[in-house]
Protein backbone atom coordinates (compact mmCIF):
# COMPACT_ATOMS: atom_id res chain seq x y z
CA MET A 1 91.75 112.54 124.49
CA LEU A 2 92.33 112.07 120.78
CA SER A 3 93.62 115.58 120.11
CA GLU A 4 95.56 114.47 117.01
CA TYR A 5 92.19 114.14 115.25
CA GLY A 6 91.33 117.81 115.77
CA LYS A 7 91.52 118.63 112.08
CA PHE A 8 89.00 115.86 111.25
CA ALA A 9 86.43 116.37 113.96
CA GLU A 10 85.54 118.46 116.97
CA VAL A 11 87.83 116.93 119.58
CA SER A 12 85.28 117.31 122.36
CA SER A 13 82.83 115.16 120.36
CA LEU A 14 85.29 112.30 119.95
CA PRO A 15 85.50 109.43 122.42
CA LYS A 16 88.12 109.85 125.10
CA LYS A 17 89.94 106.62 124.19
CA ARG A 18 91.19 105.21 120.91
CA ARG A 19 89.44 101.91 121.60
CA GLU A 20 86.10 103.69 121.87
CA LEU A 21 86.80 105.46 118.56
CA ARG A 22 87.47 102.11 116.91
CA TYR A 23 84.18 100.72 118.19
CA TYR A 24 82.48 103.82 116.83
CA LEU A 25 84.10 103.26 113.40
CA ALA A 26 83.11 99.58 113.45
CA GLY A 27 79.51 100.54 114.19
CA PHE A 28 79.60 103.18 111.49
CA ALA A 29 80.92 100.61 108.99
CA ASP A 30 78.23 98.17 110.10
CA ALA A 31 75.64 100.74 108.99
CA GLU A 32 77.31 102.59 106.10
CA GLY A 33 79.98 100.15 104.91
CA CYS A 34 80.10 97.30 102.47
CA PHE A 35 82.32 94.26 102.02
CA SER A 36 81.98 93.14 98.43
CA VAL A 37 83.68 90.87 95.94
CA SER A 38 82.99 91.84 92.35
CA LEU A 39 83.20 89.31 89.57
CA LYS A 40 84.57 90.88 86.44
CA LYS A 41 84.63 89.17 83.08
CA GLN A 42 88.18 89.52 81.82
CA GLY A 43 89.67 87.84 78.79
CA GLY A 44 93.24 86.72 79.07
CA THR A 45 92.76 85.34 82.58
CA ARG A 46 92.86 81.64 83.33
CA PHE A 47 89.10 81.25 83.84
CA GLY A 48 87.83 84.39 82.10
CA TRP A 49 86.81 86.03 85.39
CA VAL A 50 88.51 88.02 88.14
CA LEU A 51 87.49 88.24 91.80
CA ASP A 52 87.92 91.81 93.04
CA PRO A 53 87.44 92.37 96.80
CA VAL A 54 86.65 95.88 98.07
CA PHE A 55 85.73 97.39 101.41
CA HIS A 56 84.14 100.81 101.39
CA VAL A 57 82.22 103.16 103.63
CA THR A 58 79.91 105.69 101.98
CA GLN A 59 79.04 109.11 103.33
CA ASN A 60 77.67 112.41 102.06
CA GLU A 61 80.47 114.91 101.40
CA GLN A 62 79.48 116.75 104.60
CA GLY A 63 80.55 113.66 106.56
CA ARG A 64 84.02 113.53 105.04
CA ASN A 65 85.54 113.91 108.50
CA VAL A 66 84.32 110.45 109.47
CA LEU A 67 85.93 108.98 106.34
CA GLU A 68 89.15 110.80 107.27
CA LEU A 69 88.98 109.05 110.65
CA PHE A 70 88.83 105.69 108.83
CA VAL A 71 91.91 106.53 106.75
CA ARG A 72 93.82 107.70 109.80
CA GLU A 73 92.79 104.90 112.14
CA MET A 74 93.16 102.02 109.67
CA GLY A 75 96.30 103.39 108.07
CA CYS A 76 95.15 102.55 104.55
CA GLY A 77 92.64 103.29 101.84
CA ARG A 78 91.64 106.51 100.15
CA ILE A 79 88.68 108.83 99.94
CA MET A 80 87.12 109.24 96.53
CA PRO A 81 83.83 110.37 95.01
CA LYS A 82 81.27 107.64 94.48
CA PRO A 83 80.88 107.12 90.72
CA GLY A 84 77.73 108.82 89.44
CA GLN A 85 76.99 110.57 92.73
CA GLN A 86 78.88 113.86 93.04
CA GLN A 87 77.71 114.60 96.57
CA THR A 88 78.76 111.20 97.94
CA LEU A 89 82.23 110.13 99.05
CA GLN A 90 83.69 106.73 99.86
CA PHE A 91 86.49 105.50 102.06
CA TYR A 92 87.73 102.81 99.69
CA VAL A 93 90.18 99.92 100.18
CA ASP A 94 90.79 97.62 97.21
CA ASN A 95 94.44 96.70 97.73
CA ARG A 96 94.46 93.02 98.76
CA ARG A 97 97.50 93.38 101.01
CA GLN A 98 95.88 96.31 102.85
CA LEU A 99 92.64 94.36 103.11
CA LYS A 100 94.49 91.41 104.62
CA GLU A 101 96.84 93.32 106.88
CA LYS A 102 94.67 96.26 107.99
CA VAL A 103 90.94 95.76 107.33
CA LEU A 104 90.56 92.09 108.31
CA PRO A 105 92.39 92.41 111.66
CA PHE A 106 90.43 95.58 112.50
CA PHE A 107 87.05 93.92 112.01
CA ARG A 108 88.14 90.72 113.71
CA GLN A 109 88.89 92.76 116.80
CA TYR A 110 85.94 95.17 116.51
CA GLN A 111 83.22 92.82 115.37
CA LEU A 112 80.21 93.68 113.29
CA LEU A 113 76.63 92.90 114.26
CA VAL A 114 74.77 93.40 110.98
CA LYS A 115 77.45 92.67 108.38
CA GLY A 116 79.22 89.88 110.26
CA LYS A 117 78.25 87.16 107.76
CA ASP A 118 79.38 89.21 104.77
CA PHE A 119 82.62 90.07 106.54
CA GLY A 120 83.32 86.40 107.31
CA LEU A 121 82.88 85.38 103.67
CA PHE A 122 84.86 88.42 102.52
CA ALA A 123 87.75 87.50 104.85
CA GLU A 124 87.77 83.90 103.59
CA ILE A 125 87.91 85.10 99.98
CA VAL A 126 90.64 87.69 100.56
CA GLU A 127 92.80 85.18 102.42
CA ALA A 128 92.27 82.51 99.75
CA LEU A 129 93.25 85.01 97.04
CA GLU A 130 96.38 85.88 98.99
CA ARG A 131 97.21 82.14 99.11
CA LYS A 132 96.67 82.10 95.31
CA GLU A 133 93.92 79.48 95.55
CA HIS A 134 92.10 81.17 92.66
CA GLY A 135 94.54 79.50 90.25
CA ASP A 136 92.79 76.15 90.73
CA ALA A 137 89.43 75.77 88.93
CA GLY A 138 87.73 73.93 91.79
CA LYS A 139 88.87 76.42 94.41
CA PHE A 140 88.03 79.36 92.14
CA LYS A 141 84.47 78.05 91.83
CA VAL A 142 84.20 77.77 95.62
CA LEU A 143 85.33 81.39 95.95
CA VAL A 144 82.78 82.50 93.34
CA GLN A 145 80.03 80.68 95.22
CA LYS A 146 81.08 82.38 98.47
CA ALA A 147 80.97 85.77 96.73
CA PHE A 148 77.42 85.01 95.59
CA ARG A 149 76.39 84.26 99.19
CA MET A 150 77.36 87.80 100.21
CA ASN A 151 75.23 90.96 100.11
CA LEU A 152 71.69 89.62 99.86
CA GLU A 153 72.76 86.34 98.24
CA GLY A 154 74.04 88.08 95.10
CA LYS A 155 70.63 89.44 94.05
CA GLN A 156 72.18 92.62 92.62
CA ARG A 157 74.77 90.84 90.45
CA ARG A 158 74.80 91.36 86.69
CA HIS A 159 75.91 87.84 85.87
CA GLU A 160 74.31 84.54 86.79
CA LEU A 161 76.25 82.15 89.01
CA GLU A 162 75.59 79.21 86.68
CA GLY A 163 77.07 81.06 83.68
CA ILE A 164 80.23 81.95 85.58
CA LEU A 165 80.68 78.38 86.84
CA ARG A 166 80.12 77.05 83.30
CA ASP A 167 82.81 79.42 81.97
CA VAL A 168 85.22 78.24 84.65
CA ASP A 169 84.48 74.59 83.81
CA GLU A 170 85.02 75.19 80.09
CA ARG A 171 88.27 77.09 80.56
CA GLY A 172 89.45 74.77 83.32
CA SER A 173 88.98 71.71 81.13
CA SER A 174 90.82 73.37 78.23
CA GLU A 175 93.70 74.17 80.62
CA THR A 176 93.84 70.49 81.55
CA ILE A 177 93.84 69.44 77.89
CA ARG A 178 96.67 71.86 77.04
CA ARG A 179 98.85 70.65 79.93
CA THR A 180 98.36 66.97 79.18
CA PRO A 181 101.31 65.60 77.12
């Protein structure tokens, strides 16, 4: 019995084993979670853009206990209000090290049915960022293209893929010119 979770949920309603709780959380994330990689225009960066990976699970404030279970079980992240929606909370992980060391292993073990494709692309991007592959123009463009394949093929994005890739090409070629003796 998971009695240590008594302050988050009615203990009798929780699964009897930690493994079952983790499958429950994975299923909950499959329905209410999101793996996303934002592209933010940012001057002063090598290519003018930043890749920002985030995993979050959204829930009405009445379901905060489930978000508390995520924090406790994953050992990372925070709960915060969803911007613009006072009644909605999010379990939110945006720290790349926590994503790599906590979130990715969790969802590799407790696999997703609906969001499996997005998770796979998300994991590739996070790991590439940790290897600092985003410092190379060609690899950065590949990561951007992967981000655009996530979450309904990037239909909700503010910026067009072609414009971002053009910016990277322009800045990447100026980097090459500056480094050439």
